[in-house]
N, C-alpha and C. Protein backbone atom coordinates (compact mmCIF):
# COMPACT_ATOMS: atom_id res chain seq x y z
N UNK A 1 -6.54 8.10 -19.62
CA UNK A 1 -5.51 7.39 -20.57
C UNK A 1 -3.93 7.52 -20.33
N UNK A 2 -3.19 6.67 -20.21
CA UNK A 2 -1.62 6.93 -19.53
C UNK A 2 -1.06 7.11 -20.87
N UNK A 3 0.11 8.01 -20.75
CA UNK A 3 1.05 7.98 -21.96
C UNK A 3 1.77 7.08 -22.50
N UNK A 4 2.10 6.63 -23.63
CA UNK A 4 2.82 5.57 -24.15
C UNK A 4 3.77 4.93 -23.17
N UNK A 5 4.02 3.87 -23.08
CA UNK A 5 4.99 3.19 -22.23
C UNK A 5 5.22 3.49 -20.72
N UNK A 6 3.93 4.00 -20.30
CA UNK A 6 3.73 4.34 -18.85
C UNK A 6 2.25 3.68 -18.11
N UNK A 7 2.37 3.90 -16.97
CA UNK A 7 1.43 3.59 -16.16
C UNK A 7 0.51 4.34 -15.73
N UNK A 8 -0.66 4.22 -15.23
CA UNK A 8 -1.77 5.64 -14.35
C UNK A 8 -2.27 4.76 -13.43
N UNK A 9 -1.73 5.28 -12.06
CA UNK A 9 -1.92 4.76 -10.71
C UNK A 9 -3.10 5.75 -10.02
N UNK A 10 -4.36 4.91 -9.78
CA UNK A 10 -4.91 5.45 -8.85
C UNK A 10 -5.09 4.67 -7.73
N UNK A 11 -5.21 5.34 -6.24
CA UNK A 11 -5.52 4.89 -5.22
C UNK A 11 -6.54 5.02 -4.16
N UNK A 12 -7.24 4.56 -4.18
CA UNK A 12 -8.52 5.35 -3.19
C UNK A 12 -9.18 4.43 -2.17
N UNK A 13 -9.64 4.95 -0.88
CA UNK A 13 -10.40 4.15 -0.01
C UNK A 13 -11.65 4.39 0.27
N UNK A 14 -12.75 3.97 0.53
CA UNK A 14 -14.22 4.24 0.95
C UNK A 14 -14.00 5.93 1.07
N UNK A 15 -13.44 6.36 1.78
CA UNK A 15 -13.74 7.98 2.30
C UNK A 15 -12.87 8.99 1.18
N UNK A 16 -12.05 8.53 0.61
CA UNK A 16 -11.35 9.30 -0.17
C UNK A 16 -10.40 8.81 -1.35
N UNK A 17 -10.06 9.90 -2.37
CA UNK A 17 -9.28 9.64 -3.12
C UNK A 17 -7.59 9.93 -2.74
N UNK A 18 -6.40 8.83 -2.53
CA UNK A 18 -5.18 9.32 -1.93
C UNK A 18 -4.13 9.69 -3.21
N UNK A 19 -4.25 8.78 -4.22
CA UNK A 19 -4.02 9.36 -5.81
C UNK A 19 -4.66 9.13 -6.86
N UNK A 20 -4.37 10.50 -7.37
CA UNK A 20 -5.47 10.29 -8.78
C UNK A 20 -4.69 10.62 -9.67
N UNK A 21 -4.64 9.56 -10.53
CA UNK A 21 -3.91 9.19 -12.09
C UNK A 21 -2.85 9.74 -12.08
N UNK A 22 -1.63 9.11 -11.17
CA UNK A 22 -0.21 9.62 -11.36
C UNK A 22 0.22 8.72 -12.40
N UNK A 23 1.21 9.81 -13.73
CA UNK A 23 1.58 8.72 -14.25
C UNK A 23 2.87 8.38 -13.46
N UNK A 24 3.27 7.02 -13.91
CA UNK A 24 4.63 6.63 -13.73
C UNK A 24 5.02 5.57 -14.54
N UNK A 25 6.45 4.98 -13.87
CA UNK A 25 7.31 3.88 -14.70
C UNK A 25 6.95 2.71 -14.73
N UNK A 26 6.53 2.47 -13.10
CA UNK A 26 6.42 1.07 -12.48
C UNK A 26 5.92 1.12 -11.07
N UNK A 27 4.84 0.33 -10.93
CA UNK A 27 4.68 -0.04 -9.80
C UNK A 27 4.49 -1.17 -8.85
N UNK A 28 4.84 -1.40 -7.49
CA UNK A 28 5.14 -2.08 -6.79
C UNK A 28 4.04 -2.22 -5.47
N UNK A 29 3.09 -3.06 -5.21
CA UNK A 29 2.33 -3.21 -4.31
C UNK A 29 2.75 -4.45 -3.56
N UNK A 30 1.76 -4.44 -2.31
CA UNK A 30 1.66 -5.68 -1.30
C UNK A 30 0.43 -6.68 -1.98
N UNK A 31 0.56 -8.14 -2.68
CA UNK A 31 -0.66 -8.40 -2.83
C UNK A 31 -0.44 -9.69 -1.49
N UNK A 32 -1.99 -10.21 -1.33
CA UNK A 32 -2.18 -10.78 -0.20
C UNK A 32 -1.16 -12.09 -0.04
N UNK A 33 -0.62 -12.43 -1.24
CA UNK A 33 0.08 -13.55 -1.34
C UNK A 33 1.50 -12.96 -1.68
N UNK A 34 1.78 -12.06 -1.47
CA UNK A 34 3.38 -11.34 -2.10
C UNK A 34 3.13 -10.13 -2.74
N UNK A 35 4.85 -9.60 -3.17
CA UNK A 35 4.80 -8.50 -3.51
C UNK A 35 4.49 -8.46 -5.22
N UNK A 36 3.97 -7.58 -5.57
CA UNK A 36 3.29 -7.77 -7.02
C UNK A 36 3.89 -6.29 -8.07
N UNK A 37 5.11 -6.62 -8.67
CA UNK A 37 5.25 -5.50 -9.79
C UNK A 37 4.86 -5.34 -10.87
N UNK A 38 4.06 -4.26 -11.37
CA UNK A 38 3.73 -4.10 -12.02
C UNK A 38 4.45 -2.85 -13.62
N UNK A 39 4.64 -3.56 -14.55
CA UNK A 39 5.37 -2.71 -15.81
C UNK A 39 4.32 -2.61 -16.97
N UNK A 40 4.47 -1.50 -17.37
CA UNK A 40 3.62 -0.92 -18.86
C UNK A 40 3.22 -2.26 -19.36
N UNK A 41 2.23 -2.61 -19.96
CA UNK A 41 1.76 -4.11 -20.68
C UNK A 41 1.77 -5.35 -20.01
N UNK A 42 1.46 -5.11 -18.61
CA UNK A 42 1.15 -6.05 -17.39
C UNK A 42 0.08 -6.90 -18.04
N UNK A 43 -0.11 -8.40 -17.70
CA UNK A 43 -1.38 -8.80 -18.06
C UNK A 43 -2.55 -7.94 -17.16
N UNK A 44 -3.51 -8.58 -17.78
CA UNK A 44 -4.88 -7.92 -16.67
C UNK A 44 -4.58 -8.99 -15.49
N UNK A 45 -5.36 -8.15 -14.60
CA UNK A 45 -5.41 -9.02 -13.17
C UNK A 45 -6.36 -7.87 -11.94
N UNK A 46 -6.86 -8.82 -11.55
CA UNK A 46 -7.31 -8.74 -10.07
C UNK A 46 -6.68 -9.12 -8.97
N UNK A 47 -6.59 -8.58 -7.87
CA UNK A 47 -6.08 -9.59 -6.70
C UNK A 47 -6.07 -9.11 -5.18
N UNK A 48 -6.25 -9.51 -4.23
CA UNK A 48 -6.35 -9.12 -2.97
C UNK A 48 -5.12 -8.10 -2.60
N UNK A 49 -5.37 -6.94 -1.94
CA UNK A 49 -4.15 -6.05 -1.58
C UNK A 49 -4.20 -6.80 -0.30
N UNK A 50 -2.69 -6.77 0.33
CA UNK A 50 -2.32 -7.04 1.39
C UNK A 50 -1.68 -6.02 2.33
N UNK A 51 -0.89 -6.05 3.24
CA UNK A 51 -0.62 -4.45 4.15
C UNK A 51 0.84 -4.31 3.60
N UNK A 52 0.78 -3.14 3.25
CA UNK A 52 2.49 -2.78 3.00
C UNK A 52 2.47 -1.44 2.66
N UNK A 53 3.66 -1.07 1.53
CA UNK A 53 3.59 0.11 0.92
C UNK A 53 3.12 -0.18 -0.93
N UNK A 54 2.19 0.78 -1.45
CA UNK A 54 2.34 0.65 -2.90
C UNK A 54 3.23 2.00 -3.58
N UNK A 55 4.26 1.28 -3.74
CA UNK A 55 5.55 2.43 -4.32
C UNK A 55 5.50 2.54 -6.14
N UNK A 56 5.62 4.01 -6.70
CA UNK A 56 5.82 3.92 -7.79
C UNK A 56 6.92 4.89 -8.19
N UNK A 57 7.32 4.65 -9.57
CA UNK A 57 8.45 5.45 -9.72
C UNK A 57 8.13 6.19 -11.35
N UNK A 58 8.68 7.44 -11.15
CA UNK A 58 8.62 8.25 -12.27
C UNK A 58 10.00 9.08 -12.70
N UNK A 59 10.47 8.55 -13.71
CA UNK A 59 11.44 8.60 -13.82
C UNK A 59 12.50 8.18 -12.54
N UNK A 60 13.53 8.76 -12.13
CA UNK A 60 13.86 8.72 -11.19
C UNK A 60 13.40 9.02 -9.86
N UNK A 61 12.21 9.77 -9.36
CA UNK A 61 11.70 9.71 -8.46
C UNK A 61 10.39 8.90 -8.13
N UNK A 62 10.69 8.20 -6.73
CA UNK A 62 9.99 7.18 -6.06
C UNK A 62 8.87 7.61 -4.98
N UNK A 63 8.02 7.42 -4.69
CA UNK A 63 6.81 7.86 -3.96
C UNK A 63 5.97 6.59 -3.90
N UNK A 64 5.51 6.80 -2.23
CA UNK A 64 4.77 6.09 -2.00
C UNK A 64 3.79 6.15 -0.71
N UNK A 65 2.49 5.44 -0.62
CA UNK A 65 1.78 5.47 0.63
C UNK A 65 1.59 3.68 1.06
N UNK A 66 1.21 4.04 2.58
CA UNK A 66 0.95 2.80 3.21
C UNK A 66 -0.52 2.39 3.00
N UNK A 67 -0.68 1.13 2.79
CA UNK A 67 -2.01 0.69 2.22
C UNK A 67 -2.34 -0.81 3.27
N UNK A 68 -3.60 -0.75 3.53
CA UNK A 68 -4.10 -2.18 4.01
C UNK A 68 -5.27 -2.63 3.65
N UNK A 69 -4.88 -3.96 3.02
CA UNK A 69 -6.39 -4.31 2.83
C UNK A 69 -6.78 -3.93 1.60
N UNK A 70 -7.97 -4.92 1.02
CA UNK A 70 -8.41 -4.34 -0.47
C UNK A 70 -8.28 -5.07 -1.76
N UNK A 71 -8.06 -4.09 -2.82
CA UNK A 71 -8.03 -4.90 -4.31
C UNK A 71 -7.18 -4.53 -4.96
N UNK A 72 -6.67 -5.10 -5.72
CA UNK A 72 -6.22 -4.20 -7.03
C UNK A 72 -6.54 -4.83 -8.21
N UNK A 73 -6.65 -3.82 -9.29
CA UNK A 73 -7.03 -4.09 -10.86
C UNK A 73 -5.97 -3.46 -11.32
N UNK A 74 -5.40 -4.48 -12.49
CA UNK A 74 -4.61 -4.07 -13.82
C UNK A 74 -5.77 -4.34 -14.62
N UNK A 75 -5.63 -2.90 -15.58
CA UNK A 75 -6.06 -3.19 -17.01
C UNK A 75 -6.00 -2.25 -17.82
N UNK A 76 -5.06 -2.78 -19.06
CA UNK A 76 -4.55 -1.78 -19.90
C UNK A 76 -3.10 -1.35 -18.77
N UNK A 77 -2.86 -0.17 -19.06
CA UNK A 77 -1.99 0.30 -18.08
C UNK A 77 -2.76 1.17 -17.03
N UNK A 78 -3.89 0.78 -16.52
CA UNK A 78 -4.08 1.36 -15.42
C UNK A 78 -4.21 0.41 -14.46
N UNK A 79 -3.83 1.10 -13.43
CA UNK A 79 -3.67 0.11 -11.97
C UNK A 79 -4.43 1.04 -10.63
N UNK A 80 -5.35 0.47 -10.81
CA UNK A 80 -6.20 0.87 -9.98
C UNK A 80 -6.26 -0.39 -8.27
N UNK A 81 -5.76 0.89 -7.32
CA UNK A 81 -5.71 0.29 -5.71
C UNK A 81 -7.23 0.71 -5.04
N UNK A 82 -7.57 -0.30 -5.05
CA UNK A 82 -9.42 -0.05 -3.67
C UNK A 82 -8.80 -0.68 -2.38
N UNK A 83 -8.16 0.60 -1.64
CA UNK A 83 -7.69 0.12 -0.10
C UNK A 83 -9.05 0.30 0.71
N UNK A 84 -8.85 -0.93 1.72
CA UNK A 84 -9.68 -0.54 2.85
C UNK A 84 -9.25 0.87 3.96
N UNK A 85 -7.84 1.02 4.01
CA UNK A 85 -7.23 2.04 4.49
C UNK A 85 -5.68 2.83 3.75
N UNK A 86 -5.61 3.84 3.67
CA UNK A 86 -4.32 4.04 2.97
C UNK A 86 -3.53 5.53 3.95
N UNK A 87 -2.64 5.90 4.31
CA UNK A 87 -1.97 7.04 4.52
C UNK A 87 -0.60 7.15 3.83
N UNK A 88 -0.73 8.59 3.24
CA UNK A 88 0.52 9.17 2.33
C UNK A 88 0.93 10.03 3.28
N UNK A 89 2.51 10.36 2.91
CA UNK A 89 3.55 11.13 3.77
C UNK A 89 2.93 12.42 4.49
N UNK A 90 2.44 13.03 3.76
CA UNK A 90 1.58 14.09 4.71
C UNK A 90 0.94 14.15 5.74
N UNK A 91 0.20 12.74 5.76
CA UNK A 91 -0.84 12.77 6.64
C UNK A 91 -0.30 11.91 7.73
N UNK A 92 1.10 11.29 7.95
CA UNK A 92 1.47 10.42 9.19
C UNK A 92 1.92 10.90 9.90
N UNK A 93 1.54 11.04 11.24
CA UNK A 93 2.44 10.82 12.52
C UNK A 93 3.29 9.98 12.78
N UNK A 94 4.32 10.48 12.78
CA UNK A 94 5.31 9.25 12.70
C UNK A 94 5.34 8.64 14.35
N UNK A 95 5.55 9.61 14.99
CA UNK A 95 5.17 9.25 16.64
C UNK A 95 4.20 8.19 17.05
N UNK A 96 3.00 8.53 16.26
CA UNK A 96 1.89 7.78 16.88
C UNK A 96 2.11 6.51 15.71
N UNK A 97 2.87 6.55 15.25
CA UNK A 97 2.72 5.36 14.05
C UNK A 97 3.66 4.56 14.72
N UNK A 98 4.74 4.92 15.31
CA UNK A 98 5.85 4.17 16.44
C UNK A 98 5.23 3.36 17.27
N UNK A 99 4.14 4.50 18.04
CA UNK A 99 3.46 3.71 19.56
C UNK A 99 2.78 2.68 19.18
N UNK A 100 2.01 2.93 17.53
CA UNK A 100 1.13 1.57 17.42
C UNK A 100 1.74 0.43 17.07
N UNK A 101 3.23 0.30 16.28
CA UNK A 101 3.99 -0.54 16.05
C UNK A 101 4.34 -1.20 17.54
N UNK A 102 4.74 -0.49 18.59
CA UNK A 102 5.53 -0.89 20.11
C UNK A 102 4.08 -1.50 20.70
N UNK A 103 2.63 -1.02 20.68
CA UNK A 103 1.47 -1.06 21.14
C UNK A 103 1.36 -3.12 20.64
N UNK A 104 1.47 -2.87 19.20
CA UNK A 104 1.26 -4.19 18.64
C UNK A 104 2.00 -5.35 19.31
N UNK A 105 3.34 -5.05 19.26
CA UNK A 105 4.36 -5.61 19.96
C UNK A 105 3.83 -6.54 21.18
N UNK A 106 3.65 -5.58 22.03
CA UNK A 106 3.32 -5.45 23.50
C UNK A 106 1.79 -6.58 23.33
N UNK A 107 0.81 -6.46 22.63
CA UNK A 107 -0.73 -6.81 22.10
C UNK A 107 -0.18 -8.27 21.81
N UNK A 108 0.66 -8.64 21.17
CA UNK A 108 0.85 -10.22 20.40
C UNK A 108 1.28 -11.01 21.94
N UNK A 109 1.50 -10.61 22.55
CA UNK A 109 1.86 -11.36 23.99
C UNK A 109 1.01 -11.82 24.74
N UNK A 110 -0.74 -11.18 24.18
CA UNK A 110 -1.66 -11.83 25.44
C UNK A 110 -2.91 -12.17 24.29
N UNK A 111 -2.52 -12.60 22.63
CA UNK A 111 -3.28 -13.05 21.62
C UNK A 111 -3.52 -14.41 22.02
N UNK A 112 -4.99 -14.62 21.88
CA UNK A 112 -5.35 -15.94 21.61
C UNK A 112 -5.60 -16.52 20.25
N UNK A 113 -4.91 -17.35 19.46
CA UNK A 113 -5.42 -18.16 18.34
C UNK A 113 -4.93 -17.56 17.14
N UNK A 114 -4.74 -17.88 15.93
CA UNK A 114 -4.30 -17.80 14.75
C UNK A 114 -4.92 -16.20 14.41
N UNK A 115 -6.56 -16.04 14.40
CA UNK A 115 -7.02 -15.20 14.02
C UNK A 115 -6.93 -13.84 14.53
N UNK A 116 -6.71 -13.83 15.93
CA UNK A 116 -5.65 -12.99 16.48
C UNK A 116 -4.61 -12.42 16.25
N UNK A 117 -3.62 -13.32 16.34
CA UNK A 117 -2.27 -12.91 16.09
C UNK A 117 -2.48 -12.42 14.72
N UNK A 118 -2.88 -12.89 13.64
CA UNK A 118 -3.07 -12.44 12.38
C UNK A 118 -3.13 -10.86 12.26
N UNK A 119 -4.48 -10.47 13.29
CA UNK A 119 -4.92 -8.93 13.05
C UNK A 119 -4.22 -8.17 13.64
N UNK A 120 -3.26 -8.57 14.63
CA UNK A 120 -2.44 -7.82 15.36
C UNK A 120 -0.80 -7.81 14.66
N UNK A 121 -0.53 -8.84 13.88
CA UNK A 121 0.52 -8.82 13.23
C UNK A 121 -0.10 -7.86 11.75
N UNK A 122 -1.36 -7.79 10.94
CA UNK A 122 -1.84 -6.57 10.47
C UNK A 122 -1.44 -5.25 10.98
N UNK A 123 -1.53 -5.19 11.75
CA UNK A 123 -1.71 -3.83 12.62
C UNK A 123 -0.47 -3.12 12.90
N UNK A 124 0.95 -4.17 13.11
CA UNK A 124 2.09 -3.65 13.41
C UNK A 124 2.43 -3.42 11.90
N UNK A 125 2.09 -4.18 10.73
CA UNK A 125 2.81 -4.15 9.21
C UNK A 125 2.33 -3.03 8.94
N UNK A 126 1.29 -2.21 9.57
CA UNK A 126 0.36 -1.42 8.71
C UNK A 126 0.84 0.13 9.48
N UNK A 127 1.77 -0.08 10.66
CA UNK A 127 2.42 0.84 11.69
C UNK A 127 3.83 0.87 10.87
N UNK A 128 4.59 -0.14 10.50
CA UNK A 128 6.02 -0.17 9.92
C UNK A 128 5.73 0.27 8.64
N UNK A 129 4.37 0.35 7.81
CA UNK A 129 4.49 0.51 6.29
C UNK A 129 4.14 2.33 6.32
N UNK A 130 3.65 2.78 7.57
CA UNK A 130 3.41 4.18 7.72
C UNK A 130 4.81 4.90 8.33
N UNK A 131 5.71 3.83 9.08
CA UNK A 131 6.91 4.54 9.07
C UNK A 131 7.76 4.59 7.99
N UNK A 132 7.65 3.92 7.21
CA UNK A 132 8.42 4.04 6.15
C UNK A 132 8.29 4.71 5.15
N UNK A 133 7.05 4.96 4.99
CA UNK A 133 6.27 6.15 4.08
C UNK A 133 7.06 7.44 4.89
N UNK A 134 6.67 7.66 5.79
CA UNK A 134 7.19 8.98 6.73
C UNK A 134 8.38 9.13 6.00
N UNK A 135 9.09 8.22 6.14
CA UNK A 135 10.63 8.39 6.33
C UNK A 135 11.08 8.70 5.23
N UNK A 136 9.92 8.52 3.91
CA UNK A 136 10.62 8.68 2.63
C UNK A 136 10.79 7.62 1.71
N UNK A 137 10.72 6.36 2.23
CA UNK A 137 10.58 5.35 1.49
C UNK A 137 9.49 4.21 1.50
C-alpha cells in the first residue's frame, strides 16, 4: 500500500525485479501510442508499453529505467510495469549502448519492409533510452 497522495511503482521483466514498490509522486512512461503521465488517483488503466524511459519522481529526485515492450497496469495508486526488457543505470554500459544505436542506424539502410524497419527503430530507441538513463536522465 502506498503512502496517501503517493504512488507505488513496480517494474519487472520475465527474468527479474528491476524496481520494487518505489514510493513516488509521479510516473511517466512510454505507452505504445504515446507518453503516459500517472499521478495519484489516476483512473484504472491497462496499456501496451512502448520503448523509452519509465521515470518517476520522489520529492525533487528523479529516477529512470529504460524499457522495451510489455504492459503497464494502474490500479488504485499502484503502477505495475511488466516489461519485456528493462535496464537500470547501474547495469548499462554506455559505450555498448552507443554502439547499438550506431549499428541500428547502419542497419536501417538495409531493411526491407515496414516490419524490419519498425524492429530496427525499436532497437535504436531502446539504445537511446539506455544512454539517457546512463547519463542520469
